Amino acid sequence: MQWSKLESVDQLGEIQQQSKDQFVLIFKHSTTCSISRTALDRFQRNWNAEAMKEVTPYYLDLLAHRDISNQIAHHFLVEHQSPQLLIIRNGQSVYDRSHFDIDFKSVKEIITKS
């Protein structure tokens, strides 16, 4: 799985713009949390590059960039969680899940139905 790193608040505007043409996925990960590690590992193991070829996935190291996480909550009108996965389409969060509710199958359903 090829993650694009989310390391700047300015990238949120780029993500909103990019989401007008395709789905964008944001995974907020806490590098010290075992639940976050488990959710990330499980998601990556199930990732299907062919099925998700129209999706750009972004990875946010929450501990290194808490300011970006706060802006995500504000920008996309979601409550901050960790770990958290969001799907952005047309500049808005159309799906967000946290902890063990992060599931590749559900993400795939959202993306393939649209």
N, C-alpha and C. Protein backbone atom coordinates (compact mmCIF):
# COMPACT_ATOMS: atom_id res chain seq x y z
N MET A 1 0.85 -1.18 0.00
CA MET A 1 0.00 0.00 0.00
C MET A 1 0.89 1.23 0.00
N GLN A 2 0.59 2.16 -0.88
CA GLN A 2 1.37 3.39 -1.00
C GLN A 2 0.64 4.56 -0.34
N TRP A 3 1.13 4.97 0.82
CA TRP A 3 0.55 6.10 1.54
C TRP A 3 1.21 7.40 1.07
N SER A 4 0.42 8.45 0.96
CA SER A 4 0.95 9.81 0.84
C SER A 4 0.96 10.35 2.25
N LYS A 5 2.08 10.93 2.65
CA LYS A 5 2.16 11.46 4.02
C LYS A 5 1.46 12.80 4.11
N LEU A 6 0.68 12.94 5.15
CA LEU A 6 -0.01 14.18 5.46
C LEU A 6 0.81 14.87 6.55
N GLU A 7 1.52 15.92 6.15
CA GLU A 7 2.47 16.56 7.07
C GLU A 7 2.33 18.08 7.14
N SER A 8 1.29 18.61 6.50
CA SER A 8 1.10 20.05 6.49
C SER A 8 -0.39 20.38 6.47
N VAL A 9 -0.76 21.40 7.22
CA VAL A 9 -2.16 21.85 7.22
C VAL A 9 -2.56 22.29 5.82
N ASP A 10 -1.62 22.84 5.06
CA ASP A 10 -1.91 23.28 3.69
C ASP A 10 -2.39 22.14 2.80
N GLN A 11 -1.98 20.92 3.10
CA GLN A 11 -2.40 19.78 2.29
C GLN A 11 -3.91 19.53 2.37
N LEU A 12 -4.56 20.02 3.42
CA LEU A 12 -6.01 19.80 3.56
C LEU A 12 -6.77 20.48 2.42
N GLY A 13 -6.32 21.65 2.02
CA GLY A 13 -6.93 22.31 0.87
C GLY A 13 -6.71 21.53 -0.40
N GLU A 14 -5.51 20.97 -0.55
CA GLU A 14 -5.19 20.14 -1.72
C GLU A 14 -6.07 18.89 -1.73
N ILE A 15 -6.26 18.31 -0.55
CA ILE A 15 -7.10 17.11 -0.43
C ILE A 15 -8.54 17.44 -0.81
N GLN A 16 -9.03 18.57 -0.34
CA GLN A 16 -10.40 18.97 -0.71
C GLN A 16 -10.52 19.11 -2.22
N GLN A 17 -9.54 19.74 -2.85
CA GLN A 17 -9.56 19.92 -4.30
C GLN A 17 -9.46 18.57 -5.01
N GLN A 18 -8.55 17.74 -4.57
CA GLN A 18 -8.35 16.42 -5.17
C GLN A 18 -9.61 15.57 -5.06
N SER A 19 -10.34 15.74 -3.97
CA SER A 19 -11.53 14.92 -3.73
C SER A 19 -12.68 15.25 -4.68
N LYS A 20 -12.54 16.30 -5.46
CA LYS A 20 -13.57 16.62 -6.46
C LYS A 20 -13.48 15.68 -7.65
N ASP A 21 -12.30 15.07 -7.84
CA ASP A 21 -12.08 14.17 -8.97
C ASP A 21 -12.02 12.70 -8.56
N GLN A 22 -11.74 12.45 -7.30
CA GLN A 22 -11.60 11.07 -6.83
C GLN A 22 -11.79 11.02 -5.32
N PHE A 23 -11.89 9.82 -4.81
CA PHE A 23 -11.97 9.65 -3.36
C PHE A 23 -10.59 9.84 -2.75
N VAL A 24 -10.57 10.42 -1.57
CA VAL A 24 -9.34 10.56 -0.79
C VAL A 24 -9.60 9.93 0.57
N LEU A 25 -8.66 9.15 1.03
CA LEU A 25 -8.76 8.48 2.31
C LEU A 25 -7.71 9.08 3.24
N ILE A 26 -8.09 9.36 4.46
CA ILE A 26 -7.14 9.84 5.48
C ILE A 26 -7.16 8.84 6.63
N PHE A 27 -5.98 8.33 6.99
CA PHE A 27 -5.86 7.45 8.15
C PHE A 27 -5.03 8.19 9.19
N LYS A 28 -5.66 8.49 10.33
CA LYS A 28 -4.97 9.14 11.45
C LYS A 28 -4.49 8.05 12.41
N HIS A 29 -3.18 7.99 12.60
CA HIS A 29 -2.57 6.90 13.36
C HIS A 29 -1.74 7.43 14.53
N SER A 30 -1.97 6.84 15.69
CA SER A 30 -1.15 7.12 16.86
C SER A 30 -0.07 6.04 16.95
N THR A 31 1.17 6.45 16.81
CA THR A 31 2.27 5.49 16.76
C THR A 31 2.56 4.81 18.09
N THR A 32 1.94 5.24 19.17
CA THR A 32 2.17 4.61 20.47
C THR A 32 0.98 3.79 20.96
N CYS A 33 -0.06 3.71 20.16
CA CYS A 33 -1.29 3.03 20.59
C CYS A 33 -1.40 1.67 19.92
N SER A 34 -1.57 0.62 20.72
CA SER A 34 -1.67 -0.73 20.16
C SER A 34 -2.96 -0.92 19.36
N ILE A 35 -4.03 -0.27 19.76
CA ILE A 35 -5.28 -0.37 19.00
C ILE A 35 -5.10 0.27 17.62
N SER A 36 -4.43 1.41 17.60
CA SER A 36 -4.17 2.09 16.34
C SER A 36 -3.30 1.21 15.43
N ARG A 37 -2.28 0.60 16.00
CA ARG A 37 -1.39 -0.28 15.22
C ARG A 37 -2.17 -1.47 14.66
N THR A 38 -3.02 -2.06 15.47
CA THR A 38 -3.82 -3.20 15.02
C THR A 38 -4.76 -2.78 13.89
N ALA A 39 -5.44 -1.66 14.05
CA ALA A 39 -6.38 -1.18 13.02
C ALA A 39 -5.64 -0.88 11.71
N LEU A 40 -4.48 -0.24 11.81
CA LEU A 40 -3.69 0.06 10.62
C LEU A 40 -3.20 -1.21 9.94
N ASP A 41 -2.66 -2.13 10.70
CA ASP A 41 -2.16 -3.39 10.13
C ASP A 41 -3.29 -4.16 9.44
N ARG A 42 -4.42 -4.25 10.09
CA ARG A 42 -5.55 -4.98 9.52
C ARG A 42 -6.03 -4.32 8.23
N PHE A 43 -6.09 -3.00 8.24
CA PHE A 43 -6.54 -2.27 7.05
C PHE A 43 -5.56 -2.48 5.89
N GLN A 44 -4.27 -2.37 6.17
CA GLN A 44 -3.26 -2.53 5.12
C GLN A 44 -3.23 -3.95 4.57
N ARG A 45 -3.40 -4.94 5.43
CA ARG A 45 -3.42 -6.34 4.98
C ARG A 45 -4.56 -6.60 3.99
N ASN A 46 -5.67 -5.93 4.18
CA ASN A 46 -6.85 -6.14 3.34
C ASN A 46 -6.91 -5.21 2.13
N TRP A 47 -6.03 -4.23 2.07
CA TRP A 47 -6.04 -3.27 0.98
C TRP A 47 -5.90 -3.98 -0.36
N ASN A 48 -6.72 -3.59 -1.31
CA ASN A 48 -6.70 -4.16 -2.64
C ASN A 48 -6.40 -3.02 -3.61
N ALA A 49 -5.17 -2.97 -4.09
CA ALA A 49 -4.73 -1.86 -4.94
C ALA A 49 -5.56 -1.74 -6.21
N GLU A 50 -5.93 -2.85 -6.79
CA GLU A 50 -6.72 -2.82 -8.03
C GLU A 50 -8.11 -2.22 -7.78
N ALA A 51 -8.75 -2.64 -6.72
CA ALA A 51 -10.09 -2.14 -6.40
C ALA A 51 -10.06 -0.67 -5.96
N MET A 52 -8.93 -0.23 -5.44
CA MET A 52 -8.82 1.12 -4.90
C MET A 52 -7.95 2.04 -5.77
N LYS A 53 -7.81 1.70 -7.04
CA LYS A 53 -6.91 2.47 -7.90
C LYS A 53 -7.33 3.92 -8.08
N GLU A 54 -8.58 4.25 -7.82
CA GLU A 54 -9.07 5.62 -7.94
C GLU A 54 -9.08 6.36 -6.59
N VAL A 55 -8.41 5.79 -5.61
CA VAL A 55 -8.38 6.37 -4.26
C VAL A 55 -6.95 6.76 -3.91
N THR A 56 -6.78 7.96 -3.36
CA THR A 56 -5.48 8.37 -2.85
C THR A 56 -5.51 8.28 -1.34
N PRO A 57 -4.68 7.40 -0.74
CA PRO A 57 -4.66 7.28 0.71
C PRO A 57 -3.59 8.16 1.35
N TYR A 58 -3.98 8.89 2.37
CA TYR A 58 -3.05 9.73 3.14
C TYR A 58 -2.91 9.16 4.54
N TYR A 59 -1.69 9.23 5.06
CA TYR A 59 -1.36 8.73 6.39
C TYR A 59 -0.93 9.92 7.24
N LEU A 60 -1.54 10.08 8.39
CA LEU A 60 -1.18 11.14 9.32
C LEU A 60 -0.63 10.53 10.60
N ASP A 61 0.62 10.85 10.93
CA ASP A 61 1.21 10.49 12.22
C ASP A 61 0.65 11.50 13.22
N LEU A 62 -0.32 11.06 13.96
CA LEU A 62 -1.07 11.93 14.86
C LEU A 62 -0.18 12.58 15.93
N LEU A 63 0.77 11.83 16.45
CA LEU A 63 1.61 12.38 17.52
C LEU A 63 2.55 13.46 17.01
N ALA A 64 3.00 13.31 15.78
CA ALA A 64 3.90 14.31 15.19
C ALA A 64 3.14 15.53 14.67
N HIS A 65 1.86 15.35 14.36
CA HIS A 65 1.10 16.42 13.72
C HIS A 65 -0.29 16.57 14.32
N ARG A 66 -0.36 16.79 15.61
CA ARG A 66 -1.66 16.96 16.28
C ARG A 66 -2.40 18.18 15.74
N ASP A 67 -1.65 19.21 15.32
CA ASP A 67 -2.29 20.39 14.76
C ASP A 67 -3.08 20.06 13.50
N ILE A 68 -2.55 19.16 12.68
CA ILE A 68 -3.25 18.76 11.46
C ILE A 68 -4.50 17.97 11.83
N SER A 69 -4.38 17.09 12.80
CA SER A 69 -5.54 16.32 13.25
C SER A 69 -6.65 17.24 13.74
N ASN A 70 -6.29 18.26 14.49
CA ASN A 70 -7.28 19.22 14.97
C ASN A 70 -7.96 19.93 13.80
N GLN A 71 -7.16 20.28 12.79
CA GLN A 71 -7.71 20.95 11.61
C GLN A 71 -8.63 20.01 10.81
N ILE A 72 -8.27 18.73 10.76
CA ILE A 72 -9.14 17.74 10.09
C ILE A 72 -10.51 17.72 10.76
N ALA A 73 -10.52 17.68 12.08
CA ALA A 73 -11.79 17.67 12.81
C ALA A 73 -12.61 18.92 12.49
N HIS A 74 -11.95 20.06 12.47
CA HIS A 74 -12.63 21.33 12.18
C HIS A 74 -13.05 21.42 10.72
N HIS A 75 -12.13 21.10 9.84
CA HIS A 75 -12.31 21.23 8.39
C HIS A 75 -13.40 20.31 7.85
N PHE A 76 -13.42 19.06 8.34
CA PHE A 76 -14.33 18.06 7.81
C PHE A 76 -15.49 17.73 8.75
N LEU A 77 -15.62 18.52 9.83
CA LEU A 77 -16.75 18.41 10.75
C LEU A 77 -16.90 17.01 11.34
N VAL A 78 -15.80 16.47 11.83
CA VAL A 78 -15.81 15.18 12.50
C VAL A 78 -15.18 15.32 13.88
N GLU A 79 -15.60 14.49 14.78
CA GLU A 79 -14.99 14.47 16.11
C GLU A 79 -13.63 13.80 16.02
N HIS A 80 -12.64 14.36 16.69
CA HIS A 80 -11.30 13.78 16.69
C HIS A 80 -11.34 12.40 17.35
N GLN A 81 -10.75 11.44 16.68
CA GLN A 81 -10.59 10.08 17.21
C GLN A 81 -9.19 9.59 16.81
N SER A 82 -8.74 8.56 17.48
CA SER A 82 -7.48 7.93 17.12
C SER A 82 -7.52 6.47 17.55
N PRO A 83 -7.30 5.59 16.59
CA PRO A 83 -7.12 5.84 15.17
C PRO A 83 -8.44 6.25 14.53
N GLN A 84 -8.32 6.86 13.36
CA GLN A 84 -9.52 7.30 12.65
C GLN A 84 -9.28 7.23 11.15
N LEU A 85 -10.30 6.82 10.42
CA LEU A 85 -10.24 6.77 8.97
C LEU A 85 -11.38 7.61 8.42
N LEU A 86 -11.05 8.48 7.47
CA LEU A 86 -12.05 9.31 6.82
C LEU A 86 -11.98 9.09 5.31
N ILE A 87 -13.13 9.16 4.66
CA ILE A 87 -13.19 9.18 3.20
C ILE A 87 -13.70 10.57 2.83
N ILE A 88 -12.94 11.24 1.98
CA ILE A 88 -13.28 12.59 1.55
C ILE A 88 -13.71 12.54 0.09
N ARG A 89 -14.85 13.15 -0.19
CA ARG A 89 -15.36 13.22 -1.57
C ARG A 89 -16.04 14.58 -1.74
N ASN A 90 -15.73 15.26 -2.83
CA ASN A 90 -16.29 16.59 -3.10
C ASN A 90 -16.10 17.56 -1.93
N GLY A 91 -14.91 17.47 -1.32
CA GLY A 91 -14.55 18.41 -0.27
C GLY A 91 -15.12 18.12 1.11
N GLN A 92 -15.84 17.01 1.26
CA GLN A 92 -16.48 16.71 2.54
C GLN A 92 -16.16 15.29 2.99
N SER A 93 -16.23 15.09 4.29
CA SER A 93 -16.10 13.73 4.81
C SER A 93 -17.44 13.02 4.58
N VAL A 94 -17.38 11.93 3.84
CA VAL A 94 -18.59 11.15 3.56
C VAL A 94 -18.64 9.88 4.40
N TYR A 95 -17.56 9.64 5.14
CA TYR A 95 -17.48 8.41 5.95
C TYR A 95 -16.35 8.60 6.95
N ASP A 96 -16.59 8.28 8.19
CA ASP A 96 -15.50 8.25 9.17
C ASP A 96 -15.78 7.18 10.21
N ARG A 97 -14.73 6.47 10.54
CA ARG A 97 -14.80 5.41 11.54
C ARG A 97 -13.53 5.47 12.39
N SER A 98 -13.65 4.89 13.57
CA SER A 98 -12.48 4.87 14.46
C SER A 98 -12.33 3.50 15.11
N HIS A 99 -11.18 3.32 15.68
CA HIS A 99 -10.84 2.11 16.42
C HIS A 99 -11.12 0.85 15.59
N PHE A 100 -11.79 -0.12 16.18
CA PHE A 100 -12.01 -1.39 15.48
C PHE A 100 -13.17 -1.34 14.49
N ASP A 101 -13.80 -0.18 14.33
CA ASP A 101 -14.81 -0.02 13.28
C ASP A 101 -14.17 0.30 11.93
N ILE A 102 -12.85 0.50 11.92
CA ILE A 102 -12.14 0.71 10.67
C ILE A 102 -12.05 -0.62 9.95
N ASP A 103 -12.65 -0.66 8.76
CA ASP A 103 -12.80 -1.93 8.06
C ASP A 103 -12.69 -1.71 6.55
N PHE A 104 -11.77 -2.41 5.91
CA PHE A 104 -11.57 -2.25 4.48
C PHE A 104 -12.82 -2.58 3.69
N LYS A 105 -13.53 -3.62 4.06
CA LYS A 105 -14.73 -4.03 3.32
C LYS A 105 -15.75 -2.89 3.27
N SER A 106 -15.96 -2.21 4.37
CA SER A 106 -16.90 -1.09 4.40
C SER A 106 -16.42 0.06 3.53
N VAL A 107 -15.12 0.33 3.58
CA VAL A 107 -14.55 1.39 2.75
C VAL A 107 -14.76 1.06 1.28
N LYS A 108 -14.48 -0.16 0.91
CA LYS A 108 -14.65 -0.60 -0.48
C LYS A 108 -16.10 -0.44 -0.93
N GLU A 109 -17.05 -0.77 -0.06
CA GLU A 109 -18.47 -0.64 -0.40
C GLU A 109 -18.84 0.81 -0.66
N ILE A 110 -18.37 1.72 0.19
CA ILE A 110 -18.65 3.14 0.02
C ILE A 110 -18.13 3.63 -1.32
N ILE A 111 -16.92 3.23 -1.65
CA ILE A 111 -16.26 3.73 -2.86
C ILE A 111 -16.86 3.10 -4.12
N THR A 112 -17.17 1.83 -4.09
CA THR A 112 -17.68 1.19 -5.29
C THR A 112 -19.16 1.53 -5.56
N LYS A 113 -19.89 1.94 -4.55
CA LYS A 113 -21.29 2.31 -4.73
C LYS A 113 -21.45 3.70 -5.31
N SER A 114 -20.41 4.51 -5.22
CA SER A 114 -20.52 5.90 -5.67
C SER A 114 -20.10 6.08 -7.11
